[in-house]
Amino acid sequence: MTDPTLVFVRETRPGSRLVVNFGVFSGREATEAEIYRLAQALLEELDSVEIVSQQRFEFASEVEATVHQVSVELPASAEGREARLVEIVEAWAKDSIGERYTITP
């Protein structure tokens, strides 16, 4: 079994999408405040951005899985800058995931 990837690029037409396996690493959904923080970070590099936060359910005869992913739909104008945008999204994800692990009751 290979280690899951935190952020990866998925080619779409037109443009591309950055996918964050948020739930795999955090065990929870991203909060609305965290999504807004991601948008603000990306708007320093892009004119506009679309972010989708989704919960996916996958079923087979002997397996059930729920996965929470955050996707960033990149505009065509972002072509060639995916590596930089992955860095921003990955830093956001690590910060958001780590934030909840360091809070104590």
PDB file of N, CA and C in Angstrom:
ATOM      1  N   MET A   1       0.839  -1.180   0.000  1.00  0.00           N
ATOM      2  CA  MET A   1       0.000   0.000   0.000  1.00  0.00           C
ATOM      3  C   MET A   1       0.881   1.239   0.000  1.00  0.00           C
ATOM      4  N   THR A   2       0.539   2.228  -0.791  1.00  0.00           N
ATOM      5  CA  THR A   2       1.319   3.448  -0.843  1.00  0.00           C
ATOM      6  C   THR A   2       0.705   4.493   0.091  1.00  0.00           C
ATOM      7  N   ASP A   3       1.520   5.452   0.491  1.00  0.00           N
ATOM      8  CA  ASP A   3       1.029   6.522   1.337  1.00  0.00           C
ATOM      9  C   ASP A   3       0.117   7.423   0.527  1.00  0.00           C
ATOM     10  N   PRO A   4      -0.985   7.901   1.126  1.00  0.00           N
ATOM     11  CA  PRO A   4      -1.862   8.806   0.398  1.00  0.00           C
ATOM     12  C   PRO A   4      -1.176  10.159   0.207  1.00  0.00           C
ATOM     13  N   THR A   5      -1.533  10.842  -0.836  1.00  0.00           N
ATOM     14  CA  THR A   5      -0.988  12.152  -1.146  1.00  0.00           C
ATOM     15  C   THR A   5      -1.909  13.218  -0.570  1.00  0.00           C
ATOM     16  N   LEU A   6      -1.328  14.233   0.049  1.00  0.00           N
ATOM     17  CA  LEU A   6      -2.140  15.293   0.644  1.00  0.00           C
ATOM     18  C   LEU A   6      -2.790  16.159  -0.436  1.00  0.00           C
ATOM     19  N   VAL A   7      -1.995  16.633  -1.405  1.00  0.00           N
ATOM     20  CA  VAL A   7      -2.507  17.498  -2.474  1.00  0.00           C
ATOM     21  C   VAL A   7      -2.006  16.969  -3.802  1.00  0.00           C
ATOM     22  N   PHE A   8      -2.912  16.861  -4.780  1.00  0.00           N
ATOM     23  CA  PHE A   8      -2.485  16.454  -6.111  1.00  0.00           C
ATOM     24  C   PHE A   8      -3.257  17.233  -7.166  1.00  0.00           C
ATOM     25  N   VAL A   9      -2.685  17.273  -8.377  1.00  0.00           N
ATOM     26  CA  VAL A   9      -3.302  17.986  -9.504  1.00  0.00           C
ATOM     27  C   VAL A   9      -4.069  16.978 -10.335  1.00  0.00           C
ATOM     28  N   ARG A  10      -5.309  17.311 -10.643  1.00  0.00           N
ATOM     29  CA  ARG A  10      -6.130  16.486 -11.538  1.00  0.00           C
ATOM     30  C   ARG A  10      -6.445  17.343 -12.761  1.00  0.00           C
ATOM     31  N   GLU A  11      -6.028  16.856 -13.914  1.00  0.00           N
ATOM     32  CA  GLU A  11      -6.281  17.586 -15.160  1.00  0.00           C
ATOM     33  C   GLU A  11      -7.759  17.506 -15.510  1.00  0.00           C
ATOM     34  N   THR A  12      -8.339  18.642 -15.858  1.00  0.00           N
ATOM     35  CA  THR A  12      -9.732  18.721 -16.303  1.00  0.00           C
ATOM     36  C   THR A  12      -9.765  19.544 -17.573  1.00  0.00           C
ATOM     37  N   ARG A  13     -10.905  19.613 -18.181  1.00  0.00           N
ATOM     38  CA  ARG A  13     -11.044  20.435 -19.388  1.00  0.00           C
ATOM     39  C   ARG A  13     -12.088  21.478 -19.149  1.00  0.00           C
ATOM     40  N   PRO A  14     -11.853  22.731 -19.260  1.00  0.00           N
ATOM     41  CA  PRO A  14     -10.523  23.344 -19.379  1.00  0.00           C
ATOM     42  C   PRO A  14      -9.876  23.475 -18.009  1.00  0.00           C
ATOM     43  N   GLY A  15      -8.572  23.669 -17.986  1.00  0.00           N
ATOM     44  CA  GLY A  15      -7.859  23.906 -16.739  1.00  0.00           C
ATOM     45  C   GLY A  15      -7.542  22.654 -15.952  1.00  0.00           C
ATOM     46  N   SER A  16      -7.340  22.863 -14.669  1.00  0.00           N
ATOM     47  CA  SER A  16      -7.024  21.757 -13.785  1.00  0.00           C
ATOM     48  C   SER A  16      -7.612  22.020 -12.403  1.00  0.00           C
ATOM     49  N   ARG A  17      -7.523  21.008 -11.573  1.00  0.00           N
ATOM     50  CA  ARG A  17      -8.112  21.048 -10.240  1.00  0.00           C
ATOM     51  C   ARG A  17      -7.073  20.531  -9.254  1.00  0.00           C
ATOM     52  N   LEU A  18      -6.932  21.223  -8.136  1.00  0.00           N
ATOM     53  CA  LEU A  18      -6.089  20.743  -7.052  1.00  0.00           C
ATOM     54  C   LEU A  18      -7.007  20.041  -6.064  1.00  0.00           C
ATOM     55  N   VAL A  19      -6.674  18.818  -5.710  1.00  0.00           N
ATOM     56  CA  VAL A  19      -7.504  18.034  -4.797  1.00  0.00           C
ATOM     57  C   VAL A  19      -6.727  17.806  -3.508  1.00  0.00           C
ATOM     58  N   VAL A  20      -7.379  18.096  -2.382  1.00  0.00           N
ATOM     59  CA  VAL A  20      -6.790  17.912  -1.061  1.00  0.00           C
ATOM     60  C   VAL A  20      -7.514  16.763  -0.378  1.00  0.00           C
ATOM     61  N   ASN A  21      -6.796  15.731  -0.035  1.00  0.00           N
ATOM     62  CA  ASN A  21      -7.369  14.609   0.720  1.00  0.00           C
ATOM     63  C   ASN A  21      -7.439  15.006   2.196  1.00  0.00           C
ATOM     64  N   PHE A  22      -8.253  15.996   2.480  1.00  0.00           N
ATOM     65  CA  PHE A  22      -8.291  16.613   3.794  1.00  0.00           C
ATOM     66  C   PHE A  22      -8.690  15.627   4.891  1.00  0.00           C
ATOM     67  N   GLY A  23      -9.755  14.898   4.672  1.00  0.00           N
ATOM     68  CA  GLY A  23     -10.261  13.984   5.692  1.00  0.00           C
ATOM     69  C   GLY A  23      -9.329  12.835   6.007  1.00  0.00           C
ATOM     70  N   VAL A  24      -8.583  12.372   5.024  1.00  0.00           N
ATOM     71  CA  VAL A  24      -7.652  11.262   5.238  1.00  0.00           C
ATOM     72  C   VAL A  24      -6.595  11.659   6.270  1.00  0.00           C
ATOM     73  N   PHE A  25      -6.152  12.914   6.215  1.00  0.00           N
ATOM     74  CA  PHE A  25      -5.096  13.380   7.096  1.00  0.00           C
ATOM     75  C   PHE A  25      -5.613  14.015   8.378  1.00  0.00           C
ATOM     76  N   SER A  26      -6.841  14.532   8.356  1.00  0.00           N
ATOM     77  CA  SER A  26      -7.354  15.249   9.524  1.00  0.00           C
ATOM     78  C   SER A  26      -8.405  14.475  10.307  1.00  0.00           C
ATOM     79  N   GLY A  27      -9.097  13.548   9.636  1.00  0.00           N
ATOM     80  CA  GLY A  27     -10.173  12.820  10.288  1.00  0.00           C
ATOM     81  C   GLY A  27     -11.435  13.643  10.451  1.00  0.00           C
ATOM     82  N   ARG A  28     -11.547  14.732   9.695  1.00  0.00           N
ATOM     83  CA  ARG A  28     -12.703  15.615   9.807  1.00  0.00           C
ATOM     84  C   ARG A  28     -12.876  16.402   8.511  1.00  0.00           C
ATOM     85  N   GLU A  29     -13.945  17.189   8.442  1.00  0.00           N
ATOM     86  CA  GLU A  29     -14.162  18.088   7.310  1.00  0.00           C
ATOM     87  C   GLU A  29     -13.448  19.411   7.568  1.00  0.00           C
ATOM     88  N   ALA A  30     -13.123  20.122   6.517  1.00  0.00           N
ATOM     89  CA  ALA A  30     -12.573  21.467   6.659  1.00  0.00           C
ATOM     90  C   ALA A  30     -13.695  22.397   7.100  1.00  0.00           C
ATOM     91  N   THR A  31     -13.385  23.315   7.982  1.00  0.00           N
ATOM     92  CA  THR A  31     -14.395  24.262   8.449  1.00  0.00           C
ATOM     93  C   THR A  31     -14.586  25.377   7.423  1.00  0.00           C
ATOM     94  N   GLU A  32     -15.681  26.082   7.560  1.00  0.00           N
ATOM     95  CA  GLU A  32     -15.943  27.217   6.664  1.00  0.00           C
ATOM     96  C   GLU A  32     -14.846  28.269   6.804  1.00  0.00           C
ATOM     97  N   ALA A  33     -14.409  28.533   8.027  1.00  0.00           N
ATOM     98  CA  ALA A  33     -13.337  29.509   8.253  1.00  0.00           C
ATOM     99  C   ALA A  33     -12.043  29.075   7.562  1.00  0.00           C
ATOM    100  N   GLU A  34     -11.750  27.788   7.602  1.00  0.00           N
ATOM    101  CA  GLU A  34     -10.545  27.282   6.933  1.00  0.00           C
ATOM    102  C   GLU A  34     -10.644  27.449   5.417  1.00  0.00           C
ATOM    103  N   ILE A  35     -11.823  27.221   4.862  1.00  0.00           N
ATOM    104  CA  ILE A  35     -12.028  27.404   3.421  1.00  0.00           C
ATOM    105  C   ILE A  35     -11.821  28.872   3.036  1.00  0.00           C
ATOM    106  N   TYR A  36     -12.354  29.773   3.845  1.00  0.00           N
ATOM    107  CA  TYR A  36     -12.161  31.203   3.581  1.00  0.00           C
ATOM    108  C   TYR A  36     -10.688  31.587   3.656  1.00  0.00           C
ATOM    109  N   ARG A  37      -9.957  30.999   4.611  1.00  0.00           N
ATOM    110  CA  ARG A  37      -8.523  31.261   4.717  1.00  0.00           C
ATOM    111  C   ARG A  37      -7.785  30.779   3.475  1.00  0.00           C
ATOM    112  N   LEU A  38      -8.183  29.624   2.958  1.00  0.00           N
ATOM    113  CA  LEU A  38      -7.581  29.107   1.729  1.00  0.00           C
ATOM    114  C   LEU A  38      -7.853  30.052   0.569  1.00  0.00           C
ATOM    115  N   ALA A  39      -9.083  30.518   0.465  1.00  0.00           N
ATOM    116  CA  ALA A  39      -9.437  31.451  -0.618  1.00  0.00           C
ATOM    117  C   ALA A  39      -8.577  32.708  -0.552  1.00  0.00           C
ATOM    118  N   GLN A  40      -8.413  33.265   0.635  1.00  0.00           N
ATOM    119  CA  GLN A  40      -7.607  34.482   0.775  1.00  0.00           C
ATOM    120  C   GLN A  40      -6.159  34.236   0.350  1.00  0.00           C
ATOM    121  N   ALA A  41      -5.609  33.099   0.707  1.00  0.00           N
ATOM    122  CA  ALA A  41      -4.231  32.781   0.315  1.00  0.00           C
ATOM    123  C   ALA A  41      -4.110  32.657  -1.203  1.00  0.00           C
ATOM    124  N   LEU A  42      -5.093  32.008  -1.831  1.00  0.00           N
ATOM    125  CA  LEU A  42      -5.047  31.819  -3.285  1.00  0.00           C
ATOM    126  C   LEU A  42      -5.299  33.120  -4.042  1.00  0.00           C
ATOM    127  N   LEU A  43      -6.105  34.016  -3.480  1.00  0.00           N
ATOM    128  CA  LEU A  43      -6.398  35.279  -4.153  1.00  0.00           C
ATOM    129  C   LEU A  43      -5.190  36.210  -4.194  1.00  0.00           C
ATOM    130  N   GLU A  44      -4.136  35.881  -3.465  1.00  0.00           N
ATOM    131  CA  GLU A  44      -2.890  36.633  -3.595  1.00  0.00           C
ATOM    132  C   GLU A  44      -2.178  36.278  -4.896  1.00  0.00           C
ATOM    133  N   GLU A  45      -2.535  35.128  -5.485  1.00  0.00           N
ATOM    134  CA  GLU A  45      -1.917  34.646  -6.732  1.00  0.00           C
ATOM    135  C   GLU A  45      -2.876  34.662  -7.922  1.00  0.00           C
ATOM    136  N   LEU A  46      -4.184  34.600  -7.657  1.00  0.00           N
ATOM    137  CA  LEU A  46      -5.194  34.463  -8.707  1.00  0.00           C
ATOM    138  C   LEU A  46      -6.226  35.584  -8.615  1.00  0.00           C
ATOM    139  N   ASP A  47      -6.874  35.884  -9.744  1.00  0.00           N
ATOM    140  CA  ASP A  47      -7.942  36.886  -9.744  1.00  0.00           C
ATOM    141  C   ASP A  47      -9.225  36.339  -9.140  1.00  0.00           C
ATOM    142  N   SER A  48      -9.464  35.056  -9.333  1.00  0.00           N
ATOM    143  CA  SER A  48     -10.654  34.413  -8.782  1.00  0.00           C
ATOM    144  C   SER A  48     -10.361  32.934  -8.575  1.00  0.00           C
ATOM    145  N   VAL A  49     -11.159  32.310  -7.713  1.00  0.00           N
ATOM    146  CA  VAL A  49     -10.959  30.900  -7.422  1.00  0.00           C
ATOM    147  C   VAL A  49     -12.283  30.286  -6.999  1.00  0.00           C
ATOM    148  N   GLU A  50     -12.475  29.021  -7.347  1.00  0.00           N
ATOM    149  CA  GLU A  50     -13.658  28.269  -6.920  1.00  0.00           C
ATOM    150  C   GLU A  50     -13.173  27.102  -6.066  1.00  0.00           C
ATOM    151  N   ILE A  51     -13.735  26.995  -4.860  1.00  0.00           N
ATOM    152  CA  ILE A  51     -13.353  25.937  -3.931  1.00  0.00           C
ATOM    153  C   ILE A  51     -14.579  25.094  -3.630  1.00  0.00           C
ATOM    154  N   VAL A  52     -14.421  23.779  -3.734  1.00  0.00           N
ATOM    155  CA  VAL A  52     -15.508  22.845  -3.445  1.00  0.00           C
ATOM    156  C   VAL A  52     -15.076  21.979  -2.271  1.00  0.00           C
ATOM    157  N   SER A  53     -15.914  21.925  -1.256  1.00  0.00           N
ATOM    158  CA  SER A  53     -15.682  21.057  -0.102  1.00  0.00           C
ATOM    159  C   SER A  53     -16.740  19.973  -0.166  1.00  0.00           C
ATOM    160  N   GLN A  54     -16.309  18.714  -0.264  1.00  0.00           N
ATOM    161  CA  GLN A  54     -17.291  17.646  -0.466  1.00  0.00           C
ATOM    162  C   GLN A  54     -16.994  16.411   0.365  1.00  0.00           C
ATOM    163  N   GLN A  55     -18.042  15.725   0.682  1.00  0.00           N
ATOM    164  CA  GLN A  55     -17.938  14.442   1.366  1.00  0.00           C
ATOM    165  C   GLN A  55     -18.358  13.379   0.358  1.00  0.00           C
ATOM    166  N   ARG A  56     -17.475  12.426   0.107  1.00  0.00           N
ATOM    167  CA  ARG A  56     -17.742  11.366  -0.868  1.00  0.00           C
ATOM    168  C   ARG A  56     -17.979  10.056  -0.140  1.00  0.00           C
ATOM    169  N   PHE A  57     -18.943   9.307  -0.635  1.00  0.00           N
ATOM    170  CA  PHE A  57     -19.253   7.999  -0.073  1.00  0.00           C
ATOM    171  C   PHE A  57     -18.976   6.957  -1.143  1.00  0.00           C
ATOM    172  N   GLU A  58     -18.218   5.941  -0.784  1.00  0.00           N
ATOM    173  CA  GLU A  58     -17.916   4.862  -1.722  1.00  0.00           C
ATOM    174  C   GLU A  58     -18.332   3.544  -1.083  1.00  0.00           C
ATOM    175  N   PHE A  59     -19.005   2.709  -1.869  1.00  0.00           N
ATOM    176  CA  PHE A  59     -19.532   1.462  -1.349  1.00  0.00           C
ATOM    177  C   PHE A  59     -19.174   0.297  -2.272  1.00  0.00           C
ATOM    178  N   ALA A  60     -18.881  -0.831  -1.679  1.00  0.00           N
ATOM    179  CA  ALA A  60     -18.704  -2.108  -2.374  1.00  0.00           C
ATOM    180  C   ALA A  60     -19.357  -3.150  -1.483  1.00  0.00           C
ATOM    181  N   SER A  61     -19.395  -4.381  -1.935  1.00  0.00           N
ATOM    182  CA  SER A  61     -20.104  -5.411  -1.178  1.00  0.00           C
ATOM    183  C   SER A  61     -19.570  -5.583   0.246  1.00  0.00           C
ATOM    184  N   GLU A  62     -18.282  -5.404   0.464  1.00  0.00           N
ATOM    185  CA  GLU A  62     -17.714  -5.611   1.800  1.00  0.00           C
ATOM    186  C   GLU A  62     -17.006  -4.386   2.358  1.00  0.00           C
ATOM    187  N   VAL A  63     -17.139  -3.248   1.689  1.00  0.00           N
ATOM    188  CA  VAL A  63     -16.403  -2.059   2.107  1.00  0.00           C
ATOM    189  C   VAL A  63     -17.299  -0.828   1.990  1.00  0.00           C
ATOM    190  N   GLU A  64     -17.191   0.041   2.979  1.00  0.00           N
ATOM    191  CA  GLU A  64     -17.832   1.348   2.928  1.00  0.00           C
ATOM    192  C   GLU A  64     -16.783   2.374   3.321  1.00  0.00           C
ATOM    193  N   ALA A  65     -16.756   3.490   2.618  1.00  0.00           N
ATOM    194  CA  ALA A  65     -15.777   4.531   2.942  1.00  0.00           C
ATOM    195  C   ALA A  65     -16.405   5.898   2.760  1.00  0.00           C
ATOM    196  N   THR A  66     -16.035   6.807   3.649  1.00  0.00           N
ATOM    197  CA  THR A  66     -16.424   8.203   3.536  1.00  0.00           C
ATOM    198  C   THR A  66     -15.135   9.007   3.480  1.00  0.00           C
ATOM    199  N   VAL A  67     -15.030   9.863   2.480  1.00  0.00           N
ATOM    200  CA  VAL A  67     -13.823  10.653   2.294  1.00  0.00           C
ATOM    201  C   VAL A  67     -14.215  12.114   2.166  1.00  0.00           C
ATOM    202  N   HIS A  68     -13.521  12.983   2.890  1.00  0.00           N
ATOM    203  CA  HIS A  68     -13.752  14.419   2.748  1.00  0.00           C
ATOM    204  C   HIS A  68     -12.608  15.009   1.936  1.00  0.00           C
ATOM    205  N   GLN A  69     -12.962  15.663   0.827  1.00  0.00           N
ATOM    206  CA  GLN A  69     -11.962  16.296  -0.031  1.00  0.00           C
ATOM    207  C   GLN A  69     -12.301  17.762  -0.222  1.00  0.00           C
ATOM    208  N   VAL A  70     -11.263  18.556  -0.410  1.00  0.00           N
ATOM    209  CA  VAL A  70     -11.396  19.956  -0.783  1.00  0.00           C
ATOM    210  C   VAL A  70     -10.766  20.083  -2.156  1.00  0.00           C
ATOM    211  N   SER A  71     -11.508  20.650  -3.114  1.00  0.00           N
ATOM    212  CA  SER A  71     -10.998  20.818  -4.473  1.00  0.00           C
ATOM    213  C   SER A  71     -10.932  22.295  -4.824  1.00  0.00           C
ATOM    214  N   VAL A  72      -9.851  22.675  -5.487  1.00  0.00           N
ATOM    215  CA  VAL A  72      -9.680  24.041  -5.960  1.00  0.00           C
ATOM    216  C   VAL A  72      -9.720  23.993  -7.478  1.00  0.00           C
ATOM    217  N   GLU A  73     -10.759  24.584  -8.047  1.00  0.00           N
ATOM    218  CA  GLU A  73     -10.892  24.650  -9.500  1.00  0.00           C
ATOM    219  C   GLU A  73     -10.041  25.813 -10.001  1.00  0.00           C
ATOM    220  N   LEU A  74      -9.007  25.507 -10.767  1.00  0.00           N
ATOM    221  CA  LEU A  74      -8.100  26.551 -11.246  1.00  0.00           C
ATOM    222  C   LEU A  74      -8.590  27.137 -12.560  1.00  0.00           C
ATOM    223  N   PRO A  75      -8.571  28.449 -12.690  1.00  0.00           N
ATOM    224  CA  PRO A  75      -8.938  29.064 -13.961  1.00  0.00           C
ATOM    225  C   PRO A  75      -7.851  28.817 -15.006  1.00  0.00           C
ATOM    226  N   ALA A  76      -8.208  28.962 -16.252  1.00  0.00           N
ATOM    227  CA  ALA A  76      -7.242  28.752 -17.342  1.00  0.00           C
ATOM    228  C   ALA A  76      -6.025  29.664 -17.186  1.00  0.00           C
ATOM    229  N   SER A  77      -6.208  30.829 -16.580  1.00  0.00           N
ATOM    230  CA  SER A  77      -5.100  31.774 -16.398  1.00  0.00           C
ATOM    231  C   SER A  77      -4.029  31.247 -15.436  1.00  0.00           C
ATOM    232  N   ALA A  78      -4.327  30.187 -14.699  1.00  0.00           N
ATOM    233  CA  ALA A  78      -3.363  29.617 -13.749  1.00  0.00           C
ATOM    234  C   ALA A  78      -2.440  28.597 -14.404  1.00  0.00           C
ATOM    235  N   GLU A  79      -2.654  28.315 -15.676  1.00  0.00           N
ATOM    236  CA  GLU A  79      -1.842  27.309 -16.360  1.00  0.00           C
ATOM    237  C   GLU A  79      -0.360  27.650 -16.248  1.00  0.00           C
ATOM    238  N   GLY A  80       0.439  26.661 -15.890  1.00  0.00           N
ATOM    239  CA  GLY A  80       1.871  26.844 -15.732  1.00  0.00           C
ATOM    240  C   GLY A  80       2.276  27.245 -14.327  1.00  0.00           C
ATOM    241  N   ARG A  81       1.297  27.561 -13.468  1.00  0.00           N
ATOM    242  CA  ARG A  81       1.593  27.972 -12.091  1.00  0.00           C
ATOM    243  C   ARG A  81       1.111  26.941 -11.068  1.00  0.00           C
ATOM    244  N   GLU A  82       0.785  25.745 -11.539  1.00  0.00           N
ATOM    245  CA  GLU A  82       0.236  24.725 -10.649  1.00  0.00           C
ATOM    246  C   GLU A  82       1.170  24.392  -9.485  1.00  0.00           C
ATOM    247  N   ALA A  83       2.462  24.314  -9.748  1.00  0.00           N
ATOM    248  CA  ALA A  83       3.406  23.938  -8.686  1.00  0.00           C
ATOM    249  C   ALA A  83       3.361  24.954  -7.546  1.00  0.00           C
ATOM    250  N   ARG A  84       3.334  26.223  -7.868  1.00  0.00           N
ATOM    251  CA  ARG A  84       3.260  27.270  -6.837  1.00  0.00           C
ATOM    252  C   ARG A  84       1.931  27.186  -6.085  1.00  0.00           C
ATOM    253  N   LEU A  85       0.840  26.943  -6.791  1.00  0.00           N
ATOM    254  CA  LEU A  85      -0.472  26.855  -6.161  1.00  0.00           C
ATOM    255  C   LEU A  85      -0.578  25.616  -5.276  1.00  0.00           C
ATOM    256  N   VAL A  86       0.047  24.515  -5.688  1.00  0.00           N
ATOM    257  CA  VAL A  86       0.088  23.317  -4.839  1.00  0.00           C
ATOM    258  C   VAL A  86       0.804  23.649  -3.528  1.00  0.00           C
ATOM    259  N   GLU A  87       1.895  24.404  -3.593  1.00  0.00           N
ATOM    260  CA  GLU A  87       2.614  24.803  -2.379  1.00  0.00           C
ATOM    261  C   GLU A  87       1.707  25.576  -1.427  1.00  0.00           C
ATOM    262  N   ILE A  88       0.940  26.506  -1.965  1.00  0.00           N
ATOM    263  CA  ILE A  88       0.037  27.314  -1.143  1.00  0.00           C
ATOM    264  C   ILE A  88      -1.036  26.443  -0.513  1.00  0.00           C
ATOM    265  N   VAL A  89      -1.641  25.567  -1.320  1.00  0.00           N
ATOM    266  CA  VAL A  89      -2.725  24.714  -0.817  1.00  0.00           C
ATOM    267  C   VAL A  89      -2.185  23.713   0.200  1.00  0.00           C
ATOM    268  N   GLU A  90      -1.022  23.170  -0.049  1.00  0.00           N
ATOM    269  CA  GLU A  90      -0.434  22.212   0.880  1.00  0.00           C
ATOM    270  C   GLU A  90      -0.088  22.885   2.212  1.00  0.00           C
ATOM    271  N   ALA A  91       0.447  24.102   2.163  1.00  0.00           N
ATOM    272  CA  ALA A  91       0.754  24.835   3.397  1.00  0.00           C
ATOM    273  C   ALA A  91      -0.523  25.107   4.179  1.00  0.00           C
ATOM    274  N   TRP A  92      -1.593  25.490   3.473  1.00  0.00           N
ATOM    275  CA  TRP A  92      -2.896  25.711   4.129  1.00  0.00           C
ATOM    276  C   TRP A  92      -3.390  24.427   4.783  1.00  0.00           C
ATOM    277  N   ALA A  93      -3.318  23.313   4.061  1.00  0.00           N
ATOM    278  CA  ALA A  93      -3.820  22.039   4.580  1.00  0.00           C
ATOM    279  C   ALA A  93      -3.039  21.626   5.827  1.00  0.00           C
ATOM    280  N   LYS A  94      -1.732  21.702   5.770  1.00  0.00           N
ATOM    281  CA  LYS A  94      -0.914  21.312   6.920  1.00  0.00           C
ATOM    282  C   LYS A  94      -1.192  22.208   8.118  1.00  0.00           C
ATOM    283  N   ASP A  95      -1.350  23.500   7.874  1.00  0.00           N
ATOM    284  CA  ASP A  95      -1.650  24.437   8.947  1.00  0.00           C
ATOM    285  C   ASP A  95      -3.020  24.139   9.557  1.00  0.00           C
ATOM    286  N   SER A  96      -4.022  23.917   8.712  1.00  0.00           N
ATOM    287  CA  SER A  96      -5.379  23.648   9.191  1.00  0.00           C
ATOM    288  C   SER A  96      -5.447  22.333   9.957  1.00  0.00           C
ATOM    289  N   ILE A  97      -4.788  21.320   9.450  1.00  0.00           N
ATOM    290  CA  ILE A  97      -4.796  20.010  10.104  1.00  0.00           C
ATOM    291  C   ILE A  97      -4.045  20.088  11.435  1.00  0.00           C
ATOM    292  N   GLY A  98      -2.893  20.731  11.437  1.00  0.00           N
ATOM    293  CA  GLY A  98      -2.089  20.853  12.650  1.00  0.00           C
ATOM    294  C   GLY A  98      -2.750  21.698  13.714  1.00  0.00           C
ATOM    295  N   GLU A  99      -3.512  22.690  13.305  1.00  0.00           N
ATOM    296  CA  GLU A  99      -4.187  23.583  14.241  1.00  0.00           C
ATOM    297  C   GLU A  99      -5.100  22.821  15.191  1.00  0.00           C
ATOM    298  N   ARG A 100      -5.855  21.890  14.669  1.00  0.00           N
ATOM    299  CA  ARG A 100      -6.790  21.136  15.482  1.00  0.00           C
ATOM    300  C   ARG A 100      -6.096  20.102  16.359  1.00  0.00           C
ATOM    301  N   TYR A 101      -4.944  19.622  15.944  1.00  0.00           N
ATOM    302  CA  TYR A 101      -4.233  18.631  16.738  1.00  0.00           C
ATOM    303  C   TYR A 101      -3.511  19.257  17.919  1.00  0.00           C
ATOM    304  N   THR A 102      -3.246  20.569  17.865  1.00  0.00           N
ATOM    305  CA  THR A 102      -2.515  21.204  18.955  1.00  0.00           C
ATOM    306  C   THR A 102      -3.437  21.835  19.998  1.00  0.00           C
ATOM    307  N   ILE A 103      -4.714  21.918  19.723  1.00  0.00           N
ATOM    308  CA  ILE A 103      -5.662  22.476  20.675  1.00  0.00           C
ATOM    309  C   ILE A 103      -5.964  21.437  21.749  1.00  0.00           C
ATOM    310  N   THR A 104      -5.829  21.822  23.009  1.00  0.00           N
ATOM    311  CA  THR A 104      -6.144  20.914  24.103  1.00  0.00           C
ATOM    312  C   THR A 104      -7.337  21.452  24.878  1.00  0.00           C
ATOM    313  N   PRO A 105      -8.151  20.559  25.448  1.00  0.00           N
ATOM    314  CA  PRO A 105      -9.347  21.014  26.168  1.00  0.00           C
ATOM    315  C   PRO A 105      -9.009  21.740  27.454  1.00  0.00           C
TER     316      PRO A 105
END
